[in-house]
């Protein structure tokens, strides 16, 4: 049986996590940095930490034994989460059980208070802005704090680079009076869980650290419902199952394409100058030339913004047809941009290059898939 234990160090505002199984055992740390006058309250249940190791437990195939307090909703949701991933990737993840020794009833009244995961990218900016500017009116979440994590996109040892990124993107949330909470963690490196599949669960574990302060933890969506992609680590069908009896995890924004998100955030001058979308050039700038940068440039072009200040160089239309959109997800996003432009009667020259790139990359992608299938068929015959 796999085991999990968590200890809180009040002197250093940190949690020490120990996970043990026959397949994978590790220790990990979560260190908290707080803004002035934030009176931190440690968690009363370990639901979030269970989420942080659940993929390691499923991969081991052993039931997970948890002696410390969990909420009933946390156990129920994570049990459904395990069933979902055992169904999505049965060769990689097994349908294990959580053996919770002590289930507690924490009957706190939930509010619309929320902490939002914030990296400075399009998805995070969209979730922040549409809530603090009350696009939903009374249904909007009350976001007064954002969460920055070091140890995920920014490696745990890159302290200066983390500060450079925060220096770039902090004016985006500070313009609304929001303050930043920070978690430094080595859970990603220590646990060696498949990051593509486990990133939302590990991010949720960081959000849950503040479950005594906020009723909701917000994770910005990746793909929209209409272009649903999976299995993937952050999906609207599974992220909500990372909720506990103390904090609901909100998968926010899946009702919008990336271009529609860009249309919303492009109204904000601070975002136009500071949104961070790539890590090819470093942690405090956008390279402006990689596939993701050019795809984001196309998002902006589609909504009528040709050269936002977040990119240092003007766009070269002729370069669009040279970009390799060499995955189904990237091709789908390019197609979505073109569809948006056509629906909004865009006639600019860049659209011709984008359509050329879509056709070329569609052919190359499907040719590569066919070649892979032929190689697979040949290898099976040889056996």
Protein backbone atom coordinates (compact mmCIF):
# COMPACT_ATOMS: atom_id res chain seq x y z
CA UNK A 1 0.00 0.00 0.00
CA UNK A 2 1.25 3.51 -0.84
CA UNK A 3 1.41 6.06 1.99
CA UNK A 4 1.34 9.84 2.30
CA UNK A 5 2.26 12.04 5.26
CA UNK A 6 2.48 15.83 5.53
CA UNK A 7 4.13 18.02 8.18
CA UNK A 8 3.74 21.78 8.56
CA UNK A 9 6.63 23.94 9.77
CA UNK A 10 5.07 27.10 11.22
CA UNK A 11 8.44 28.83 11.67
CA UNK A 12 9.28 28.61 7.96
CA UNK A 13 5.78 28.59 6.45
CA UNK A 14 6.47 25.30 4.71
CA UNK A 15 5.01 21.84 4.26
CA UNK A 16 7.10 18.68 4.01
CA UNK A 17 5.45 15.86 2.10
CA UNK A 18 6.55 12.21 2.12
CA UNK A 19 5.17 9.68 -0.35
CA UNK A 20 6.09 6.02 -0.41
CA UNK A 21 5.18 3.16 -2.72
CA UNK A 22 6.96 0.14 -4.17
CA UNK A 23 7.40 1.91 -7.49
CA UNK A 24 8.18 5.48 -6.41
CA UNK A 25 9.10 7.08 -3.08
CA UNK A 26 10.04 10.72 -2.57
CA UNK A 27 10.02 13.72 -0.25
CA UNK A 28 8.91 17.16 -1.44
CA UNK A 29 8.64 20.65 0.00
CA UNK A 30 6.17 23.51 -0.44
CA UNK A 31 7.50 26.86 0.81
CA UNK A 32 5.13 29.81 1.12
CA UNK A 33 5.98 33.49 0.66
CA UNK A 34 3.33 35.96 1.78
CA UNK A 35 2.68 39.66 1.20
CA UNK A 36 2.77 41.98 4.24
CA UNK A 37 -0.07 41.65 6.75
CA UNK A 38 -1.25 38.28 5.39
CA UNK A 39 -1.99 36.17 8.47
CA UNK A 40 -1.56 32.66 7.11
CA UNK A 41 -3.67 29.79 8.46
CA UNK A 42 -2.38 26.24 7.86
CA UNK A 43 -4.67 23.74 6.17
CA UNK A 44 -6.95 21.54 8.28
CA UNK A 45 -7.13 18.75 5.67
CA UNK A 46 -4.54 17.24 3.34
CA UNK A 47 -6.85 16.85 0.32
CA UNK A 48 -4.67 19.13 -1.81
CA UNK A 49 -1.51 17.19 -1.05
CA UNK A 50 -3.25 13.95 -2.01
CA UNK A 51 -4.04 15.61 -5.36
CA UNK A 52 -0.37 16.48 -5.68
CA UNK A 53 0.71 12.82 -5.53
CA UNK A 54 -2.35 11.06 -6.96
CA UNK A 55 -0.70 10.32 -10.31
CA UNK A 56 2.27 8.70 -8.55
CA UNK A 57 -0.17 6.59 -6.54
CA UNK A 58 -2.16 5.57 -9.64
CA UNK A 59 1.03 4.71 -11.48
CA UNK A 60 2.16 2.49 -8.62
CA UNK A 61 -1.16 0.64 -8.71
CA UNK A 62 -1.28 0.57 -4.90
CA UNK A 63 -4.12 1.89 -2.77
CA UNK A 64 -3.16 5.15 -1.05
CA UNK A 65 -3.19 5.17 2.76
CA UNK A 66 -3.77 8.62 4.30
CA UNK A 67 -3.80 8.87 8.10
CA UNK A 68 -4.22 12.65 8.28
CA UNK A 69 -7.52 14.48 7.99
CA UNK A 70 -9.37 14.59 4.68
CA UNK A 71 -12.80 16.00 3.86
CA UNK A 72 -15.52 13.71 2.56
CA UNK A 73 -15.87 15.79 -0.61
CA UNK A 74 -12.13 15.55 -1.18
CA UNK A 75 -12.15 11.75 -0.90
CA UNK A 76 -15.21 11.47 -3.14
CA UNK A 77 -13.91 13.80 -5.83
CA UNK A 78 -10.44 12.28 -5.93
CA UNK A 79 -11.98 8.80 -6.14
CA UNK A 80 -13.90 9.91 -9.24
CA UNK A 81 -10.72 11.59 -10.53
CA UNK A 82 -8.88 8.27 -10.19
CA UNK A 83 -11.66 6.45 -12.02
CA UNK A 84 -11.51 9.00 -14.84
CA UNK A 85 -7.77 8.64 -15.38
CA UNK A 86 -7.91 4.88 -14.99
CA UNK A 87 -10.38 4.96 -17.86
CA UNK A 88 -8.48 7.54 -19.95
CA UNK A 89 -5.05 5.87 -19.70
CA UNK A 90 -5.55 2.39 -18.25
CA UNK A 91 -2.07 1.17 -19.22
CA UNK A 92 -0.44 4.01 -17.30
CA UNK A 93 -2.81 4.60 -14.37
CA UNK A 94 -4.66 2.07 -12.22
CA UNK A 95 -7.99 2.51 -10.45
CA UNK A 96 -6.78 2.56 -6.87
CA UNK A 97 -8.64 3.43 -3.67
CA UNK A 98 -7.94 6.16 -1.15
CA UNK A 99 -7.90 4.74 2.36
CA UNK A 100 -8.71 7.86 4.45
CA UNK A 101 -8.37 7.13 8.17
CA UNK A 102 -10.06 10.29 9.41
CA UNK A 103 -12.75 12.14 7.46
CA UNK A 104 -13.56 15.54 8.96
CA UNK A 105 -16.54 17.82 8.48
CA UNK A 106 -15.35 21.39 7.93
CA UNK A 107 -18.65 23.19 7.65
CA UNK A 108 -17.32 26.61 6.73
CA UNK A 109 -19.62 28.72 4.58
CA UNK A 110 -18.21 29.01 1.07
CA UNK A 111 -18.05 32.43 -0.58
CA UNK A 112 -17.00 33.74 -4.00
CA UNK A 113 -13.51 34.56 -2.69
CA UNK A 114 -10.84 33.16 -4.99
CA UNK A 115 -7.12 32.91 -5.58
CA UNK A 116 -6.17 32.62 -9.24
CA UNK A 117 -3.10 30.81 -10.57
CA UNK A 118 -1.16 33.45 -12.50
CA UNK A 119 1.73 32.96 -14.90
CA UNK A 120 1.16 36.09 -16.97
CA UNK A 121 -0.02 34.15 -20.04
CA UNK A 122 -3.16 34.59 -22.12
CA UNK A 123 -5.27 32.10 -20.16
CA UNK A 124 -4.29 33.50 -16.75
CA UNK A 125 -4.80 37.12 -17.86
CA UNK A 126 -8.21 36.31 -19.29
CA UNK A 127 -9.41 34.62 -16.08
CA UNK A 128 -8.13 37.48 -13.95
CA UNK A 129 -9.55 40.31 -16.05
CA UNK A 130 -12.98 38.89 -16.75
CA UNK A 131 -13.52 38.24 -13.05
CA UNK A 132 -12.13 41.44 -11.55
CA UNK A 133 -14.00 43.48 -14.18
CA UNK A 134 -17.16 41.45 -13.44
CA UNK A 135 -17.98 40.19 -16.93
CA UNK A 136 -20.33 37.79 -15.15
CA UNK A 137 -21.84 40.52 -12.95
CA UNK A 138 -22.70 38.91 -9.60
CA UNK A 139 -21.41 35.51 -10.74
CA UNK A 140 -17.82 36.76 -11.01
CA UNK A 141 -15.30 35.48 -8.48
CA UNK A 142 -13.78 37.94 -6.03
CA UNK A 143 -10.06 37.75 -6.86
CA UNK A 144 -7.85 39.84 -4.60
CA UNK A 145 -4.83 37.53 -4.68
CA UNK A 146 -3.02 35.64 -7.42
CA UNK A 147 -0.68 32.68 -6.98
CA UNK A 148 2.75 32.41 -8.56
CA UNK A 149 4.52 29.05 -8.42
CA UNK A 150 8.25 28.47 -8.76
CA UNK A 151 9.15 24.90 -9.59
CA UNK A 152 6.78 24.31 -12.51
CA UNK A 153 7.27 26.42 -15.67
CA UNK A 154 10.06 28.25 -13.85
CA UNK A 155 12.51 25.62 -12.51
CA UNK A 156 12.93 25.47 -8.75
CA UNK A 157 16.54 26.68 -8.87
CA UNK A 158 15.84 29.71 -11.13
CA UNK A 159 15.19 32.31 -8.42
CA UNK A 160 16.41 35.33 -10.40
CA UNK A 161 14.45 34.23 -13.45
CA UNK A 162 11.27 33.86 -11.41
CA UNK A 163 11.67 37.40 -10.11
CA UNK A 164 12.30 38.66 -13.65
CA UNK A 165 9.05 37.08 -14.82
CA UNK A 166 7.11 38.52 -11.89
CA UNK A 167 8.63 41.96 -12.50
CA UNK A 168 7.32 41.77 -16.06
CA UNK A 169 3.78 40.54 -15.34
CA UNK A 170 3.03 41.93 -11.86
CA UNK A 171 1.68 45.28 -13.16
CA UNK A 172 -1.10 43.30 -14.86
CA UNK A 173 -2.65 42.18 -11.56
CA UNK A 174 -1.42 45.13 -9.50
CA UNK A 175 -3.51 47.52 -11.60
CA UNK A 176 -6.55 45.89 -9.94
CA UNK A 177 -5.09 46.08 -6.44
CA UNK A 178 -4.36 42.33 -6.37
CA UNK A 179 -1.45 40.95 -4.36
CA UNK A 180 0.69 37.91 -5.05
CA UNK A 181 1.13 34.77 -3.00
CA UNK A 182 4.08 32.53 -3.85
CA UNK A 183 4.72 28.82 -3.48
CA UNK A 184 8.16 27.37 -4.11
CA UNK A 185 8.02 23.61 -4.56
CA UNK A 186 10.12 20.72 -5.79
CA UNK A 187 7.15 18.33 -6.13
CA UNK A 188 7.46 18.26 -9.94
CA UNK A 189 11.13 17.27 -9.89
CA UNK A 190 10.97 14.96 -6.88
CA UNK A 191 7.83 13.03 -7.83
CA UNK A 192 8.71 12.57 -11.51
CA UNK A 193 5.02 12.33 -12.37
CA UNK A 194 4.15 12.73 -16.05
CA UNK A 195 3.87 16.53 -16.23
CA UNK A 196 1.68 16.52 -19.35
CA UNK A 197 -0.96 14.58 -17.42
CA UNK A 198 -0.41 15.75 -13.83
CA UNK A 199 0.18 19.52 -14.11
CA UNK A 200 -3.33 20.62 -13.06
CA UNK A 201 -3.30 18.26 -10.06
CA UNK A 202 0.09 19.56 -8.94
CA UNK A 203 -1.06 23.16 -9.44
CA UNK A 204 -4.23 22.41 -7.47
CA UNK A 205 -2.07 21.14 -4.60
CA UNK A 206 -0.50 24.62 -4.42
CA UNK A 207 -3.87 26.38 -4.56
CA UNK A 208 -5.22 24.17 -1.75
CA UNK A 209 -2.46 25.44 0.54
CA UNK A 210 -4.61 28.58 0.83
CA UNK A 211 -7.92 26.76 1.33
CA UNK A 212 -8.38 28.32 4.78
CA UNK A 213 -8.46 31.76 3.12
CA UNK A 214 -10.29 31.28 -0.19
CA UNK A 215 -13.25 29.15 -1.20
CA UNK A 216 -12.15 28.87 -4.85
CA UNK A 217 -8.92 28.20 -6.71
CA UNK A 218 -8.93 29.22 -10.37
CA UNK A 219 -7.02 27.45 -13.15
CA UNK A 220 -7.22 29.11 -16.57
CA UNK A 221 -8.46 26.74 -19.28
CA UNK A 222 -6.33 25.53 -22.19
CA UNK A 223 -8.48 24.39 -25.11
CA UNK A 224 -12.14 25.43 -25.51
CA UNK A 225 -15.03 22.98 -25.24
CA UNK A 226 -15.53 22.97 -29.02
CA UNK A 227 -11.94 21.84 -29.62
CA UNK A 228 -11.76 19.51 -26.65
CA UNK A 229 -8.42 17.69 -26.48
CA UNK A 230 -7.52 14.79 -24.26
CA UNK A 231 -6.26 13.06 -22.37
CA UNK A 232 -4.48 16.15 -21.08
CA UNK A 233 -3.51 17.26 -17.61
CA UNK A 234 -5.99 20.14 -17.41
CA UNK A 235 -9.46 19.43 -18.75
CA UNK A 236 -12.93 20.73 -17.81
CA UNK A 237 -14.04 17.12 -17.40
CA UNK A 238 -11.53 16.38 -14.61
CA UNK A 239 -10.16 19.61 -13.06
CA UNK A 240 -13.29 20.16 -10.96
CA UNK A 241 -12.70 16.76 -9.36
CA UNK A 242 -9.63 18.27 -7.69
CA UNK A 243 -12.03 20.21 -5.41
CA UNK A 244 -12.28 19.45 -1.71
CA UNK A 245 -14.72 20.22 1.05
CA UNK A 246 -12.76 23.42 1.69
CA UNK A 247 -11.89 24.72 -1.79
CA UNK A 248 -13.49 24.35 -5.22
CA UNK A 249 -11.08 24.14 -8.14
CA UNK A 250 -12.48 26.14 -11.07
CA UNK A 251 -11.48 25.32 -14.65
CA UNK A 252 -12.12 28.80 -16.02
CA UNK A 253 -12.62 30.03 -19.57
CA UNK A 254 -13.24 26.91 -21.66
CA UNK A 255 -16.26 28.58 -23.25
CA UNK A 256 -13.87 30.81 -25.23
CA UNK A 257 -11.35 30.15 -27.97
CA UNK A 258 -7.84 31.53 -27.53
CA UNK A 259 -8.63 34.26 -30.07
CA UNK A 260 -11.75 35.24 -28.11
CA UNK A 261 -9.63 35.41 -24.97
CA UNK A 262 -7.12 37.63 -26.75
CA UNK A 263 -9.98 39.83 -27.97
CA UNK A 264 -10.99 40.36 -24.33
CA UNK A 265 -7.53 41.02 -22.87
CA UNK A 266 -6.46 43.22 -25.83
CA UNK A 267 -8.67 45.96 -24.36
CA UNK A 268 -6.17 46.25 -21.51
CA UNK A 269 -3.05 48.28 -22.32
CA UNK A 270 -1.01 46.69 -19.55
CA UNK A 271 -1.64 43.23 -21.00
CA UNK A 272 -0.73 44.39 -24.52
CA UNK A 273 2.66 45.41 -23.16
CA UNK A 274 3.39 42.59 -20.71
CA UNK A 275 1.57 39.32 -21.46
CA UNK A 276 4.10 36.44 -21.44
CA UNK A 277 3.51 33.60 -23.87
CA UNK A 278 6.83 31.82 -24.50
CA UNK A 279 10.07 30.74 -22.84
CA UNK A 280 12.32 30.45 -25.90
CA UNK A 281 14.19 33.70 -25.21
CA UNK A 282 14.11 33.68 -21.42
CA UNK A 283 11.75 34.26 -18.56
CA UNK A 284 11.14 37.99 -18.92
CA UNK A 285 10.58 38.39 -22.65
CA UNK A 286 8.84 36.84 -25.67
CA UNK A 287 11.13 35.68 -28.47
CA UNK A 288 8.58 36.77 -31.08
CA UNK A 289 9.69 34.10 -33.55
CA UNK A 290 8.68 30.67 -32.21
CA UNK A 291 5.49 28.83 -33.13
CA UNK A 292 3.65 29.91 -29.98
CA UNK A 293 4.68 33.55 -30.38
CA UNK A 294 3.55 33.60 -34.00
CA UNK A 295 0.33 31.80 -33.17
CA UNK A 296 -0.34 34.46 -30.51
CA UNK A 297 0.51 37.18 -33.04
CA UNK A 298 -2.17 35.66 -35.29
CA UNK A 299 -4.63 35.77 -32.38
CA UNK A 300 -3.94 39.49 -32.06
CA UNK A 301 -4.13 40.08 -35.82
CA UNK A 302 -7.52 38.38 -35.94
CA UNK A 303 -8.88 40.89 -33.40
CA UNK A 304 -7.30 43.88 -35.17
CA UNK A 305 -4.09 44.37 -33.15
CA UNK A 306 -1.13 44.12 -35.51
CA UNK A 307 1.95 44.66 -33.34
CA UNK A 308 1.24 44.58 -29.59
CA UNK A 309 4.11 45.85 -27.46
CA UNK A 310 4.56 42.46 -25.79
CA UNK A 311 6.62 41.59 -28.91
CA UNK A 312 9.76 43.60 -29.61
CA UNK A 313 9.76 43.24 -33.40
CA UNK A 314 7.05 43.87 -36.01
CA UNK A 315 5.47 40.77 -37.51
CA UNK A 316 6.63 39.46 -40.89
CA UNK A 317 3.68 38.04 -42.79
CA UNK A 318 5.92 35.96 -45.06
CA UNK A 319 7.25 34.12 -41.99
CA UNK A 320 3.79 32.76 -41.17
CA UNK A 321 3.92 30.12 -43.89
CA UNK A 322 7.28 28.87 -42.57
CA UNK A 323 5.98 28.07 -39.08
CA UNK A 324 5.60 24.37 -38.24
CA UNK A 325 2.25 23.65 -36.60
CA UNK A 326 3.27 20.02 -36.18
CA UNK A 327 0.59 18.67 -33.85
CA UNK A 328 -3.14 18.18 -33.96
CA UNK A 329 -3.67 20.72 -31.18
CA UNK A 330 -1.65 23.43 -32.91
CA UNK A 331 -3.37 22.79 -36.23
CA UNK A 332 -6.75 23.00 -34.52
CA UNK A 333 -5.80 26.33 -32.94
CA UNK A 334 -4.59 27.71 -36.28
CA UNK A 335 -7.85 26.61 -37.88
CA UNK A 336 -9.75 28.32 -35.06
CA UNK A 337 -7.93 31.62 -35.71
CA UNK A 338 -8.75 31.46 -39.42
CA UNK A 339 -12.39 30.64 -38.69
CA UNK A 340 -12.63 33.62 -36.33
CA UNK A 341 -11.11 35.92 -38.97
CA UNK A 342 -13.49 34.65 -41.67
CA UNK A 343 -16.51 35.03 -39.38
CA UNK A 344 -15.49 38.64 -38.65
CA UNK A 345 -14.92 39.44 -42.33
CA UNK A 346 -11.16 40.02 -41.98
CA UNK A 347 -9.54 40.59 -45.40
CA UNK A 348 -5.94 41.38 -44.44
CA UNK A 349 -2.97 39.83 -46.28
CA UNK A 350 -1.80 37.85 -43.24
CA UNK A 351 -4.86 35.62 -43.56
CA UNK A 352 -3.68 34.29 -46.94
CA UNK A 353 -0.38 33.23 -45.38
CA UNK A 354 -2.19 31.63 -42.45
CA UNK A 355 -4.43 29.61 -44.76
CA UNK A 356 -1.39 28.50 -46.76
CA UNK A 357 0.31 27.43 -43.51
CA UNK A 358 -2.79 25.49 -42.45
CA UNK A 359 -2.95 23.53 -45.72
CA UNK A 360 0.80 22.84 -45.79
CA UNK A 361 1.01 21.73 -42.17
CA UNK A 362 -2.19 19.68 -42.46
CA UNK A 363 -0.64 17.71 -45.32
CA UNK A 364 2.69 17.31 -43.52
CA UNK A 365 1.03 16.26 -40.26
CA UNK A 366 -1.17 13.62 -41.85
CA UNK A 367 1.72 12.37 -43.99
CA UNK A 368 3.78 11.93 -40.82
CA UNK A 369 0.91 10.05 -39.14
CA UNK A 370 0.53 7.76 -42.16
CA UNK A 371 4.28 7.08 -42.17
CA UNK A 372 4.20 6.25 -38.47
CA UNK A 373 1.26 3.87 -39.01
CA UNK A 374 3.10 2.13 -41.85
CA UNK A 375 6.18 1.69 -39.64
CA UNK A 376 4.02 0.34 -36.83
CA UNK A 377 2.28 -2.12 -39.18
CA UNK A 378 5.66 -3.28 -40.51
CA UNK A 379 7.08 -3.78 -36.99
CA UNK A 380 4.01 -5.86 -36.02
CA UNK A 381 4.43 -8.06 -39.09
CA UNK A 382 8.10 -8.65 -38.25
CA UNK A 383 7.13 -9.89 -34.80
